[in-house]
Every structure is written in C-alpha cells, then in structure tokens.
Amino acid sequence: MKPISLTKIADNLSDNEHRKIAEQLAIYKIDGIELSIAGGRWGATWETNKDYDLSFLKFYKGIKVIRIFLPGVTDIKPILHLADSLENLQLGEFNNKKISFAFFSDLPNLKYLGVVKQPKGLESIVQLPKLTELTLTGYSIDKLSFLNDLKNLRRLYIGFGTSKNIDTISQLENLEELDILWVKQLEEINAISKLTSLIKLKIENEKQIKTLPDLSQLKRLKNIRLMNISTLEDISSLTNSYVDEFIITGPNKNTDILIPIAKSNCVKKVYTYFYLKKEQAKAEQLLGNKFCPLSKMEFEMTHLKQVSLYYYDSKTGEEIE
C-alpha cells in the first residue's frame, strides 16, 4: 500500500467547519480523513457505540481515502458522496450485521478495500475493475467463492477468520502478495501452488499447517516468511522453488526440517529465530553460509521499511508524530 496522508476529524463539527477542513485538505494535498474511536495521539476520537449520521461526508467530495472505525454506525451509504474520487476505503467492524456492502459496486475508482466481519453484500466487489488490494479480517474465506473472480487483485490479506482451505483464491493469477494470519482450522493451502504471479508469501500464527505446498510453478516467488507455525513438519518443497529469501521464526522444536534447504542450491538466504536457544544454535550451524540476518535480506527489508499511514493537522499541514 502506498503511503497515505490523513486528518482525523472530530464528531461535533458544524457544516462550515467541515467545509473549512475540506478546503485545507486540498491546500495541503492530504489524501483523506479518518473517523475513529481510537488513536487520540493523532487527533480527535469519537464515541464507541453512538450511531452517527455520516451525511456530512458530502462536504469531502474529492478525497481519495477514508477510514471509518465507528462500531455504532448503522448507515454507511453516505460514503457514496465520495464515489467519484475514492480510491482507498477502510472500515472497522460494525455492531449492526445487517449493514450491506452492496453499494461498493458504485465506487468505480476503488483500488484498496479493508473490511471486518461484515459479509452482507461483499460479493459486490467483483464489480470493482480497479481493485488491486484487499484486506479481509474475520471472514470464512472458504465460503467466499466470488473471490476467484477478482482477476486484477495484486495483494491480499486474510486474517482472524475460520477456513479449512483457501481454494476460493486459487484462480487469482495476478496475485503478487499473500498474507495469512491466524485463520482457525486452516490446514490445506495447496491453492498457493496455482498463484503463478506470487512474489511474497507470509503465513503467521497457524496451528494446523504441516507442510508447504508445491512451489515449483511459482517462478516469481522470491520471499517466504513463516511465523509461529508450531505444527510445521515439512518445507522440502523449497528445494524445487525460485525462492531467494526464507524466514522462519517461532516455537519450532525440530531444526531438522531445515536439512533439505541447507543441502539444496535453492534458497540463497535463510533467517531463523527459534525460541529454544539450542535449536537456534543448531539451525545456524546447519545452514552455514546460507544463514542471513534480516538486515541483509533486501526484499524483506524493503517491505518492512514501508510506512503506510501519516497523520496531519489540517490547520497547519504539519505532520503529527
């Protein structure tokens, strides 16, 4: 995600105050606004369970980004006031599960979408021709068959849901980055073998995955990061892959799973951080010259250094640190 500049606005503003802020956003070239119950360090916060009227969004036509984290809100359709310019939409979880996302199809310029535990109407995203980045938190991915229709998707995050497999993304032939975090019951990830444009793969905090899938057809895959996957037993598919950088950290108690890649010509750089000092020392000895500190992993460090959000004071245009 490209760096984003935001202003957090307060919940008790007059129409004239909204107009003034909108003018300042344009002057200082600030991308958009945030309405949130949290983050007081960077600006105003809102009440947690209040059902706010968002009709004031009509004053912010022209902004590219909006982040809304207001659980009590029951009507988010005023977002449509921003339809002509909106490129990035991030929504937190809403208490009212009847809220529908069907109107997303009327946001033709949307490139990035982040949503949480709100399934109604989500299938409308297949009608977004410019959507390239999607963040899904708290969803049963194996039930969202329409995801395979998102042919332009480049980056996908899946987290905190429940799914036995990820077959519903197996046809995303243009996907370049996949991030999987804490998906309950997930043990079968063979769909990854079909993601032929994949460059970066990250899997974290999974308790049932035992083996990496076949990677032999993923000619663009350069970086894999596995974190806290205690059940992992077999990573031998790396020996027939195009991966340059491999990172594995967590409570792994069997360093021997590294033997295949230690002896292979594949995978140039490997970083491990095992919680047991004995296993970590064994890993470093086993890997020899292949063991590489994170700071030397060019692809990994390039991504880690990307800062995504910056907050600004709309009155002065100065960054709030």
C-alpha atoms as a PDB file:
ATOM      1  CA  MET A   1       0.000   0.000   0.000  1.00  0.00           C
ATOM      2  CA  LYS A   2       1.319   3.439  -0.919  1.00  0.00           C
ATOM      3  CA  PRO A   3       1.913   5.901   1.942  1.00  0.00           C
ATOM      4  CA  ILE A   4      -1.301   7.692   2.912  1.00  0.00           C
ATOM      5  CA  SER A   5      -1.757  11.133   4.477  1.00  0.00           C
ATOM      6  CA  LEU A   6      -4.785  11.586   6.745  1.00  0.00           C
ATOM      7  CA  THR A   7      -6.504  14.035   9.056  1.00  0.00           C
ATOM      8  CA  LYS A   8      -8.591  12.763  11.975  1.00  0.00           C
ATOM      9  CA  ILE A   9     -11.719  14.891  12.234  1.00  0.00           C
ATOM     10  CA  ALA A  10     -13.913  15.465  15.290  1.00  0.00           C
ATOM     11  CA  ASP A  11     -17.511  14.327  15.759  1.00  0.00           C
ATOM     12  CA  ASN A  12     -19.107  17.652  16.670  1.00  0.00           C
ATOM     13  CA  LEU A  13     -18.286  19.922  13.748  1.00  0.00           C
ATOM     14  CA  SER A  14     -20.589  22.395  12.031  1.00  0.00           C
ATOM     15  CA  ASP A  15     -21.143  22.424   8.278  1.00  0.00           C
ATOM     16  CA  ASN A  16     -18.843  25.424   7.962  1.00  0.00           C
ATOM     17  CA  GLU A  17     -16.122  23.637   9.910  1.00  0.00           C
ATOM     18  CA  HIS A  18     -16.396  20.630   7.612  1.00  0.00           C
ATOM     19  CA  ARG A  19     -16.137  22.926   4.588  1.00  0.00           C
ATOM     20  CA  LYS A  20     -13.050  24.588   6.031  1.00  0.00           C
ATOM     21  CA  ILE A  21     -11.322  21.270   6.719  1.00  0.00           C
ATOM     22  CA  ALA A  22     -12.121  20.063   3.206  1.00  0.00           C
ATOM     23  CA  GLU A  23     -10.519  23.216   1.799  1.00  0.00           C
ATOM     24  CA  GLN A  24      -7.415  22.710   3.941  1.00  0.00           C
ATOM     25  CA  LEU A  25      -7.103  19.089   2.820  1.00  0.00           C
ATOM     26  CA  ALA A  26      -6.956  20.285  -0.772  1.00  0.00           C
ATOM     27  CA  ILE A  27      -4.453  23.048   0.000  1.00  0.00           C
ATOM     28  CA  TYR A  28      -2.049  20.720   1.829  1.00  0.00           C
ATOM     29  CA  LYS A  29      -2.722  17.809  -0.525  1.00  0.00           C
ATOM     30  CA  ILE A  30      -3.801  15.491   2.284  1.00  0.00           C
ATOM     31  CA  ASP A  31      -5.282  12.267   0.898  1.00  0.00           C
ATOM     32  CA  GLY A  32      -8.269  11.861   3.179  1.00  0.00           C
ATOM     33  CA  ILE A  33      -9.891  11.631   6.604  1.00  0.00           C
ATOM     34  CA  GLU A  34     -10.325   9.212   9.476  1.00  0.00           C
ATOM     35  CA  LEU A  35     -13.321   8.847  11.794  1.00  0.00           C
ATOM     36  CA  SER A  36     -12.347   6.640  14.704  1.00  0.00           C
ATOM     37  CA  ILE A  37     -12.946   5.696  18.315  1.00  0.00           C
ATOM     38  CA  ALA A  38      -9.195   5.234  18.803  1.00  0.00           C
ATOM     39  CA  GLY A  39      -5.891   6.914  18.037  1.00  0.00           C
ATOM     40  CA  GLY A  40      -6.179  10.026  20.184  1.00  0.00           C
ATOM     41  CA  ARG A  41      -2.477  10.650  19.772  1.00  0.00           C
ATOM     42  CA  TRP A  42      -3.079  11.691  16.165  1.00  0.00           C
ATOM     43  CA  GLY A  43      -6.323  13.610  16.556  1.00  0.00           C
ATOM     44  CA  ALA A  44      -9.934  13.567  17.689  1.00  0.00           C
ATOM     45  CA  THR A  45     -11.720  10.377  18.769  1.00  0.00           C
ATOM     46  CA  TRP A  46     -15.416   9.515  18.605  1.00  0.00           C
ATOM     47  CA  GLU A  47     -17.824   7.769  20.992  1.00  0.00           C
ATOM     48  CA  THR A  48     -17.750   3.982  20.731  1.00  0.00           C
ATOM     49  CA  ASN A  49     -21.392   2.955  20.378  1.00  0.00           C
ATOM     50  CA  LYS A  50     -23.061   6.108  19.078  1.00  0.00           C
ATOM     51  CA  ASP A  51     -24.981   5.877  15.794  1.00  0.00           C
ATOM     52  CA  TYR A  52     -23.507   8.838  13.952  1.00  0.00           C
ATOM     53  CA  ASP A  53     -25.073  10.471  10.911  1.00  0.00           C
ATOM     54  CA  LEU A  54     -22.390  10.466   8.213  1.00  0.00           C
ATOM     55  CA  SER A  55     -24.218  12.763   5.797  1.00  0.00           C
ATOM     56  CA  PHE A  56     -21.517  15.405   6.389  1.00  0.00           C
ATOM     57  CA  LEU A  57     -19.305  13.373   4.058  1.00  0.00           C
ATOM     58  CA  LYS A  58     -20.914  15.363   1.239  1.00  0.00           C
ATOM     59  CA  PHE A  59     -18.502  18.171   2.122  1.00  0.00           C
ATOM     60  CA  TYR A  60     -15.474  15.978   1.411  1.00  0.00           C
ATOM     61  CA  LYS A  61     -16.001  15.228  -2.255  1.00  0.00           C
ATOM     62  CA  GLY A  62     -12.622  14.838  -3.909  1.00  0.00           C
ATOM     63  CA  ILE A  63     -10.777  12.965  -1.148  1.00  0.00           C
ATOM     64  CA  LYS A  64      -9.065   9.717  -2.082  1.00  0.00           C
ATOM     65  CA  VAL A  65      -9.066   7.938   1.278  1.00  0.00           C
ATOM     66  CA  ILE A  66     -11.443   7.401   4.176  1.00  0.00           C
ATOM     67  CA  ARG A  67     -11.022   5.233   7.271  1.00  0.00           C
ATOM     68  CA  ILE A  68     -14.098   4.632   9.425  1.00  0.00           C
ATOM     69  CA  PHE A  69     -13.866   2.803  12.755  1.00  0.00           C
ATOM     70  CA  LEU A  70     -17.228   3.545  14.377  1.00  0.00           C
ATOM     71  CA  PRO A  71     -18.940   0.353  15.649  1.00  0.00           C
ATOM     72  CA  GLY A  72     -22.261   2.047  16.428  1.00  0.00           C
ATOM     73  CA  VAL A  73     -22.949   3.478  12.974  1.00  0.00           C
ATOM     74  CA  THR A  74     -25.863   1.853  11.121  1.00  0.00           C
ATOM     75  CA  ASP A  75     -25.794   3.720   7.788  1.00  0.00           C
ATOM     76  CA  ILE A  76     -22.583   3.976   5.778  1.00  0.00           C
ATOM     77  CA  LYS A  77     -24.119   4.774   2.408  1.00  0.00           C
ATOM     78  CA  PRO A  78     -23.115   8.458   2.700  1.00  0.00           C
ATOM     79  CA  ILE A  79     -19.722   7.139   1.566  1.00  0.00           C
ATOM     80  CA  LEU A  80     -21.260   7.333  -1.900  1.00  0.00           C
ATOM     81  CA  HIS A  81     -20.782  11.119  -1.770  1.00  0.00           C
ATOM     82  CA  LEU A  82     -17.102  10.304  -2.345  1.00  0.00           C
ATOM     83  CA  ALA A  83     -17.655   7.838  -5.184  1.00  0.00           C
ATOM     84  CA  ASP A  84     -16.002   9.843  -7.958  1.00  0.00           C
ATOM     85  CA  SER A  85     -12.644  10.194  -6.189  1.00  0.00           C
ATOM     86  CA  LEU A  86     -12.428   7.458  -3.542  1.00  0.00           C
ATOM     87  CA  GLU A  87      -9.518   5.052  -4.088  1.00  0.00           C
ATOM     88  CA  ASN A  88      -8.961   3.669  -0.598  1.00  0.00           C
ATOM     89  CA  LEU A  89     -11.724   2.576   1.803  1.00  0.00           C
ATOM     90  CA  GLN A  90     -11.005   1.054   5.220  1.00  0.00           C
ATOM     91  CA  LEU A  91     -13.853   0.041   7.501  1.00  0.00           C
ATOM     92  CA  GLY A  92     -13.776  -1.414  11.006  1.00  0.00           C
ATOM     93  CA  GLU A  93     -16.306  -3.833  12.453  1.00  0.00           C
ATOM     94  CA  PHE A  94     -19.907  -2.659  12.876  1.00  0.00           C
ATOM     95  CA  ASN A  95     -22.248  -3.874  15.609  1.00  0.00           C
ATOM     96  CA  ASN A  96     -25.158  -3.996  13.164  1.00  0.00           C
ATOM     97  CA  LYS A  97     -24.593  -7.048  10.942  1.00  0.00           C
ATOM     98  CA  LYS A  98     -27.460  -6.008   8.662  1.00  0.00           C
ATOM     99  CA  ILE A  99     -25.294  -3.303   7.125  1.00  0.00           C
ATOM    100  CA  SER A 100     -24.814  -4.200   3.480  1.00  0.00           C
ATOM    101  CA  PHE A 101     -21.780  -3.602   1.301  1.00  0.00           C
ATOM    102  CA  ALA A 102     -23.800  -3.950  -1.895  1.00  0.00           C
ATOM    103  CA  PHE A 103     -23.177  -0.284  -2.711  1.00  0.00           C
ATOM    104  CA  PHE A 104     -19.450  -0.939  -3.131  1.00  0.00           C
ATOM    105  CA  SER A 105     -20.190  -1.593  -6.796  1.00  0.00           C
ATOM    106  CA  ASP A 106     -20.870   2.146  -7.117  1.00  0.00           C
ATOM    107  CA  LEU A 107     -17.287   3.039  -6.145  1.00  0.00           C
ATOM    108  CA  PRO A 108     -15.653   2.612  -9.577  1.00  0.00           C
ATOM    109  CA  ASN A 109     -12.232   4.026  -8.665  1.00  0.00           C
ATOM    110  CA  LEU A 110     -11.644   1.937  -5.544  1.00  0.00           C
ATOM    111  CA  LYS A 111      -8.169   0.376  -5.527  1.00  0.00           C
ATOM    112  CA  TYR A 112      -7.823  -0.647  -1.875  1.00  0.00           C
ATOM    113  CA  LEU A 113     -10.507  -2.101   0.399  1.00  0.00           C
ATOM    114  CA  GLY A 114     -10.269  -3.244   4.013  1.00  0.00           C
ATOM    115  CA  VAL A 115     -13.310  -4.736   5.786  1.00  0.00           C
ATOM    116  CA  VAL A 116     -14.047  -6.659   9.000  1.00  0.00           C
ATOM    117  CA  LYS A 117     -16.659  -9.379   9.714  1.00  0.00           C
ATOM    118  CA  GLN A 118     -19.389  -7.907   7.526  1.00  0.00           C
ATOM    119  CA  PRO A 119     -20.419 -10.479   4.884  1.00  0.00           C
ATOM    120  CA  LYS A 120     -23.647  -8.972   3.568  1.00  0.00           C
ATOM    121  CA  GLY A 121     -23.217  -7.587   0.061  1.00  0.00           C
ATOM    122  CA  LEU A 122     -19.471  -8.202  -0.054  1.00  0.00           C
ATOM    123  CA  GLU A 123     -19.801 -10.004  -3.382  1.00  0.00           C
ATOM    124  CA  SER A 124     -20.305  -6.571  -4.954  1.00  0.00           C
ATOM    125  CA  ILE A 125     -16.514  -6.164  -5.002  1.00  0.00           C
ATOM    126  CA  VAL A 126     -16.315  -8.293  -8.149  1.00  0.00           C
ATOM    127  CA  GLN A 127     -17.697  -5.223  -9.940  1.00  0.00           C
ATOM    128  CA  LEU A 128     -14.729  -3.061  -8.954  1.00  0.00           C
ATOM    129  CA  PRO A 129     -12.439  -3.015 -12.014  1.00  0.00           C
ATOM    130  CA  LYS A 130      -9.579  -1.144 -10.311  1.00  0.00           C
ATOM    131  CA  LEU A 131      -9.458  -3.130  -7.051  1.00  0.00           C
ATOM    132  CA  THR A 132      -5.895  -4.395  -6.560  1.00  0.00           C
ATOM    133  CA  GLU A 133      -5.555  -4.640  -2.764  1.00  0.00           C
ATOM    134  CA  LEU A 134      -7.966  -6.382  -0.389  1.00  0.00           C
ATOM    135  CA  THR A 135      -7.832  -6.895   3.383  1.00  0.00           C
ATOM    136  CA  LEU A 136     -10.338  -9.374   4.823  1.00  0.00           C
ATOM    137  CA  THR A 137     -10.482  -9.709   8.613  1.00  0.00           C
ATOM    138  CA  GLY A 138     -12.757 -12.214  10.332  1.00  0.00           C
ATOM    139  CA  TYR A 139     -14.186 -13.931   7.253  1.00  0.00           C
ATOM    140  CA  SER A 140     -14.684 -17.600   6.353  1.00  0.00           C
ATOM    141  CA  ILE A 141     -12.644 -17.444   3.177  1.00  0.00           C
ATOM    142  CA  ASP A 142     -13.642 -20.929   2.051  1.00  0.00           C
ATOM    143  CA  LYS A 143     -17.234 -19.709   1.738  1.00  0.00           C
ATOM    144  CA  LEU A 144     -16.456 -16.660  -0.421  1.00  0.00           C
ATOM    145  CA  SER A 145     -16.360 -18.313  -3.845  1.00  0.00           C
ATOM    146  CA  PHE A 146     -16.577 -14.955  -5.633  1.00  0.00           C
ATOM    147  CA  LEU A 147     -13.007 -14.109  -4.579  1.00  0.00           C
ATOM    148  CA  ASN A 148     -11.723 -16.099  -7.546  1.00  0.00           C
ATOM    149  CA  ASP A 149     -13.364 -13.524  -9.818  1.00  0.00           C
ATOM    150  CA  LEU A 150     -11.053 -10.733  -8.621  1.00  0.00           C
ATOM    151  CA  LYS A 151      -8.683 -11.119 -11.550  1.00  0.00           C
ATOM    152  CA  ASN A 152      -6.933  -7.763 -11.022  1.00  0.00           C
ATOM    153  CA  LEU A 153      -6.071  -8.378  -7.367  1.00  0.00           C
ATOM    154  CA  ARG A 154      -2.365  -7.925  -6.566  1.00  0.00           C
ATOM    155  CA  ARG A 155      -2.266  -8.019  -2.762  1.00  0.00           C
ATOM    156  CA  LEU A 156      -4.481  -9.980  -0.361  1.00  0.00           C
ATOM    157  CA  TYR A 157      -4.563 -10.175   3.433  1.00  0.00           C
ATOM    158  CA  ILE A 158      -6.639 -12.860   5.161  1.00  0.00           C
ATOM    159  CA  GLY A 159      -6.824 -12.793   8.955  1.00  0.00           C
ATOM    160  CA  PHE A 160      -8.729 -13.933  12.045  1.00  0.00           C
ATOM    161  CA  GLY A 161     -11.433 -15.934  10.289  1.00  0.00           C
ATOM    162  CA  THR A 162     -12.199 -19.649  10.082  1.00  0.00           C
ATOM    163  CA  SER A 163     -11.434 -21.640   6.928  1.00  0.00           C
ATOM    164  CA  LYS A 164     -10.291 -25.186   6.265  1.00  0.00           C
ATOM    165  CA  ASN A 165      -8.701 -24.242   2.948  1.00  0.00           C
ATOM    166  CA  ILE A 166      -8.102 -21.281   0.651  1.00  0.00           C
ATOM    167  CA  ASP A 167      -9.349 -22.806  -2.594  1.00  0.00           C
ATOM    168  CA  THR A 168     -11.503 -19.736  -3.219  1.00  0.00           C
ATOM    169  CA  ILE A 169      -8.373 -17.769  -4.158  1.00  0.00           C
ATOM    170  CA  SER A 170      -6.725 -20.457  -6.305  1.00  0.00           C
ATOM    171  CA  GLN A 171      -7.566 -18.649  -9.548  1.00  0.00           C
ATOM    172  CA  LEU A 172      -6.071 -15.271  -8.661  1.00  0.00           C
ATOM    173  CA  GLU A 173      -3.480 -15.460 -11.406  1.00  0.00           C
ATOM    174  CA  ASN A 174      -2.251 -11.877 -10.904  1.00  0.00           C
ATOM    175  CA  LEU A 175      -1.843 -12.032  -7.115  1.00  0.00           C
ATOM    176  CA  GLU A 176       1.652 -10.912  -6.080  1.00  0.00           C
ATOM    177  CA  GLU A 177       1.467 -10.803  -2.281  1.00  0.00           C
ATOM    178  CA  LEU A 178      -0.460 -13.067   0.103  1.00  0.00           C
ATOM    179  CA  ASP A 179      -0.576 -12.564   3.867  1.00  0.00           C
ATOM    180  CA  ILE A 180      -2.355 -15.139   6.043  1.00  0.00           C
ATOM    181  CA  LEU A 181      -2.727 -14.533   9.783  1.00  0.00           C
ATOM    182  CA  TRP A 182      -4.390 -16.617  12.486  1.00  0.00           C
ATOM    183  CA  VAL A 183      -7.057 -18.322  10.364  1.00  0.00           C
ATOM    184  CA  LYS A 184      -8.654 -21.035  12.506  1.00  0.00           C
ATOM    185  CA  GLN A 185      -8.832 -24.626  11.194  1.00  0.00           C
ATOM    186  CA  LEU A 186      -6.623 -23.823   8.210  1.00  0.00           C
ATOM    187  CA  GLU A 187      -4.525 -26.837   7.263  1.00  0.00           C
ATOM    188  CA  GLU A 188      -4.771 -27.163   3.483  1.00  0.00           C
ATOM    189  CA  ILE A 189      -3.027 -24.419   1.491  1.00  0.00           C
ATOM    190  CA  ASN A 190      -2.405 -26.200  -1.820  1.00  0.00           C
ATOM    191  CA  ALA A 191      -4.174 -23.352  -3.632  1.00  0.00           C
ATOM    192  CA  ILE A 192      -0.935 -21.405  -3.276  1.00  0.00           C
ATOM    193  CA  SER A 193       0.619 -23.704  -5.888  1.00  0.00           C
ATOM    194  CA  LYS A 194      -1.612 -22.126  -8.532  1.00  0.00           C
ATOM    195  CA  LEU A 195      -0.800 -18.487  -7.766  1.00  0.00           C
ATOM    196  CA  THR A 196       1.737 -18.162 -10.558  1.00  0.00           C
ATOM    197  CA  SER A 197       2.340 -14.408 -10.133  1.00  0.00           C
ATOM    198  CA  LEU A 198       3.064 -14.657  -6.402  1.00  0.00           C
ATOM    199  CA  ILE A 199       6.198 -12.812  -5.273  1.00  0.00           C
ATOM    200  CA  LYS A 200       5.839 -12.645  -1.487  1.00  0.00           C
ATOM    201  CA  LEU A 201       4.128 -15.075   0.906  1.00  0.00           C
ATOM    202  CA  LYS A 202       3.648 -14.582   4.636  1.00  0.00           C
ATOM    203  CA  ILE A 203       1.901 -17.051   6.945  1.00  0.00           C
ATOM    204  CA  GLU A 204       1.666 -16.359  10.667  1.00  0.00           C
ATOM    205  CA  ASN A 205       0.185 -17.975  13.795  1.00  0.00           C
ATOM    206  CA  GLU A 206      -1.352 -21.068  12.210  1.00  0.00           C
ATOM    207  CA  LYS A 207      -1.809 -24.233  14.280  1.00  0.00           C
ATOM    208  CA  GLN A 208      -2.671 -26.928  11.733  1.00  0.00           C
ATOM    209  CA  ILE A 209      -0.455 -26.383   8.698  1.00  0.00           C
ATOM    210  CA  LYS A 210       2.069 -29.229   8.473  1.00  0.00           C
ATOM    211  CA  THR A 211       3.678 -28.779   5.088  1.00  0.00           C
ATOM    212  CA  LEU A 212       4.421 -26.190   2.445  1.00  0.00           C
ATOM    213  CA  PRO A 213       2.675 -26.845  -0.878  1.00  0.00           C
ATOM    214  CA  ASP A 214       4.365 -27.418  -4.224  1.00  0.00           C
ATOM    215  CA  LEU A 215       6.151 -24.210  -5.250  1.00  0.00           C
ATOM    216  CA  SER A 216       7.738 -25.403  -8.478  1.00  0.00           C
ATOM    217  CA  GLN A 217       5.468 -23.393 -10.791  1.00  0.00           C
ATOM    218  CA  LEU A 218       5.786 -20.121  -8.885  1.00  0.00           C
ATOM    219  CA  LYS A 219       8.631 -18.639 -10.895  1.00  0.00           C
ATOM    220  CA  ARG A 220       8.229 -15.133  -9.438  1.00  0.00           C
ATOM    221  CA  LEU A 221       8.128 -16.188  -5.772  1.00  0.00           C
ATOM    222  CA  LYS A 222      11.121 -14.575  -4.049  1.00  0.00           C
ATOM    223  CA  ASN A 223      10.271 -14.274  -0.370  1.00  0.00           C
ATOM    224  CA  ILE A 224       8.519 -16.532   2.167  1.00  0.00           C
ATOM    225  CA  ARG A 225       8.040 -15.652   5.827  1.00  0.00           C
ATOM    226  CA  LEU A 226       6.626 -18.253   8.249  1.00  0.00           C
ATOM    227  CA  MET A 227       5.996 -17.148  11.826  1.00  0.00           C
ATOM    228  CA  ASN A 228       4.767 -19.179  14.801  1.00  0.00           C
ATOM    229  CA  ILE A 229       3.619 -22.266  12.892  1.00  0.00           C
ATOM    230  CA  SER A 230       4.297 -24.867  15.575  1.00  0.00           C
ATOM    231  CA  THR A 231       2.849 -27.784  13.577  1.00  0.00           C
ATOM    232  CA  LEU A 232       5.135 -27.343  10.576  1.00  0.00           C
ATOM    233  CA  GLU A 233       6.926 -30.572   9.657  1.00  0.00           C
ATOM    234  CA  ASP A 234       7.939 -30.342   6.002  1.00  0.00           C
ATOM    235  CA  ILE A 235       9.362 -27.466   3.966  1.00  0.00           C
ATOM    236  CA  SER A 236      11.099 -29.638   1.391  1.00  0.00           C
ATOM    237  CA  SER A 237       9.134 -28.077  -1.481  1.00  0.00           C
ATOM    238  CA  LEU A 238      11.532 -25.137  -1.149  1.00  0.00           C
ATOM    239  CA  THR A 239      14.213 -27.300  -2.769  1.00  0.00           C
ATOM    240  CA  ASN A 240      12.307 -27.084  -6.030  1.00  0.00           C
ATOM    241  CA  SER A 241      11.418 -23.417  -5.963  1.00  0.00           C
ATOM    242  CA  TYR A 242      12.597 -19.992  -7.092  1.00  0.00           C
ATOM    243  CA  VAL A 243      12.621 -18.525  -3.573  1.00  0.00           C
ATOM    244  CA  ASP A 244      15.591 -16.293  -2.688  1.00  0.00           C
ATOM    245  CA  GLU A 245      14.736 -15.374   0.910  1.00  0.00           C
ATOM    246  CA  PHE A 246      13.197 -17.691   3.515  1.00  0.00           C
ATOM    247  CA  ILE A 247      12.364 -16.617   7.060  1.00  0.00           C
ATOM    248  CA  ILE A 248      11.082 -18.948   9.761  1.00  0.00           C
ATOM    249  CA  THR A 249      10.538 -17.952  13.390  1.00  0.00           C
ATOM    250  CA  GLY A 250       8.695 -19.291  16.403  1.00  0.00           C
ATOM    251  CA  PRO A 251       8.447 -22.274  18.740  1.00  0.00           C
ATOM    252  CA  ASN A 252       9.749 -24.861  16.271  1.00  0.00           C
ATOM    253  CA  LYS A 253      11.451 -27.676  18.159  1.00  0.00           C
ATOM    254  CA  ASN A 254      12.804 -29.655  15.232  1.00  0.00           C
ATOM    255  CA  THR A 255      15.593 -27.920  13.361  1.00  0.00           C
ATOM    256  CA  ASP A 256      15.940 -30.960  11.111  1.00  0.00           C
ATOM    257  CA  ILE A 257      13.199 -29.615   8.839  1.00  0.00           C
ATOM    258  CA  LEU A 258      15.886 -27.236   7.541  1.00  0.00           C
ATOM    259  CA  ILE A 259      18.131 -30.046   6.280  1.00  0.00           C
ATOM    260  CA  PRO A 260      16.627 -30.158   2.744  1.00  0.00           C
ATOM    261  CA  ILE A 261      17.228 -26.466   2.065  1.00  0.00           C
ATOM    262  CA  ALA A 262      20.628 -26.490   3.772  1.00  0.00           C
ATOM    263  CA  LYS A 263      21.806 -29.053   1.218  1.00  0.00           C
ATOM    264  CA  SER A 264      19.974 -27.533  -1.736  1.00  0.00           C
ATOM    265  CA  ASN A 265      21.145 -24.973  -4.275  1.00  0.00           C
ATOM    266  CA  CYS A 266      17.762 -23.277  -3.947  1.00  0.00           C
ATOM    267  CA  VAL A 267      17.060 -20.517  -1.408  1.00  0.00           C
ATOM    268  CA  LYS A 268      20.052 -18.215  -1.108  1.00  0.00           C
ATOM    269  CA  LYS A 269      19.282 -16.553   2.228  1.00  0.00           C
ATOM    270  CA  VAL A 270      17.666 -18.096   5.313  1.00  0.00           C
ATOM    271  CA  TYR A 271      16.888 -16.426   8.627  1.00  0.00           C
ATOM    272  CA  THR A 272      15.679 -18.373  11.650  1.00  0.00           C
ATOM    273  CA  TYR A 273      14.688 -17.333  15.138  1.00  0.00           C
ATOM    274  CA  PHE A 274      13.663 -20.338  17.202  1.00  0.00           C
ATOM    275  CA  TYR A 275      12.572 -19.781  20.793  1.00  0.00           C
ATOM    276  CA  LEU A 276      14.764 -22.611  22.091  1.00  0.00           C
ATOM    277  CA  LYS A 277      18.374 -21.386  22.092  1.00  0.00           C
ATOM    278  CA  LYS A 278      19.625 -24.917  21.487  1.00  0.00           C
ATOM    279  CA  GLU A 279      17.551 -25.248  18.323  1.00  0.00           C
ATOM    280  CA  GLN A 280      18.531 -21.783  17.116  1.00  0.00           C
ATOM    281  CA  ALA A 281      22.228 -22.552  17.512  1.00  0.00           C
ATOM    282  CA  LYS A 282      21.736 -25.835  15.683  1.00  0.00           C
ATOM    283  CA  ALA A 283      19.905 -24.051  12.861  1.00  0.00           C
ATOM    284  CA  GLU A 284      22.689 -21.517  12.349  1.00  0.00           C
ATOM    285  CA  GLN A 285      25.306 -24.272  12.274  1.00  0.00           C
ATOM    286  CA  LEU A 286      23.246 -26.363   9.876  1.00  0.00           C
ATOM    287  CA  LEU A 287      22.626 -23.501   7.451  1.00  0.00           C
ATOM    288  CA  GLY A 288      26.204 -22.261   7.420  1.00  0.00           C
ATOM    289  CA  ASN A 289      26.701 -19.507   4.841  1.00  0.00           C
ATOM    290  CA  LYS A 290      23.009 -19.545   3.984  1.00  0.00           C
ATOM    291  CA  PHE A 291      22.110 -18.118   7.390  1.00  0.00           C
ATOM    292  CA  CYS A 292      21.462 -14.436   6.862  1.00  0.00           C
ATOM    293  CA  PRO A 293      20.395 -11.674   9.278  1.00  0.00           C
ATOM    294  CA  LEU A 294      17.189  -9.850   8.382  1.00  0.00           C
ATOM    295  CA  SER A 295      19.109  -6.653   7.731  1.00  0.00           C
ATOM    296  CA  LYS A 296      20.817  -8.343   4.784  1.00  0.00           C
ATOM    297  CA  MET A 297      17.605  -9.538   3.169  1.00  0.00           C
ATOM    298  CA  GLU A 298      16.980  -6.867   0.575  1.00  0.00           C
ATOM    299  CA  PHE A 299      13.469  -7.872  -0.452  1.00  0.00           C
ATOM    300  CA  GLU A 300      12.265  -8.321   3.126  1.00  0.00           C
ATOM    301  CA  MET A 301      13.747  -5.063   4.396  1.00  0.00           C
ATOM    302  CA  THR A 302      12.295  -3.077   1.502  1.00  0.00           C
ATOM    303  CA  HIS A 303       8.807  -4.142   2.575  1.00  0.00           C
ATOM    304  CA  LEU A 304       9.425  -3.653   6.306  1.00  0.00           C
ATOM    305  CA  LYS A 305      10.508  -0.055   5.753  1.00  0.00           C
ATOM    306  CA  GLN A 306       7.286   0.895   4.017  1.00  0.00           C
ATOM    307  CA  VAL A 307       5.304   3.187   6.318  1.00  0.00           C
ATOM    308  CA  SER A 308       1.679   3.272   5.288  1.00  0.00           C
ATOM    309  CA  LEU A 309      -0.037   5.984   7.364  1.00  0.00           C
ATOM    310  CA  TYR A 310       0.863   9.574   8.213  1.00  0.00           C
ATOM    311  CA  TYR A 311      -1.411  11.931  10.152  1.00  0.00           C
ATOM    312  CA  TYR A 312      -1.539  15.689   9.608  1.00  0.00           C
ATOM    313  CA  ASP A 313      -3.050  18.734  11.265  1.00  0.00           C
ATOM    314  CA  SER A 314      -5.456  20.174   8.693  1.00  0.00           C
ATOM    315  CA  LYS A 315      -4.982  23.700  10.081  1.00  0.00           C
ATOM    316  CA  THR A 316      -1.213  23.815   9.647  1.00  0.00           C
ATOM    317  CA  GLY A 317      -0.493  20.986   7.239  1.00  0.00           C
ATOM    318  CA  GLU A 318       2.166  19.698   9.642  1.00  0.00           C
ATOM    319  CA  GLU A 319       2.672  16.006  10.347  1.00  0.00           C
ATOM    320  CA  ILE A 320       1.600  14.693  13.774  1.00  0.00           C
ATOM    321  CA  GLU A 321       4.260  12.288  15.028  1.00  0.00           C
END
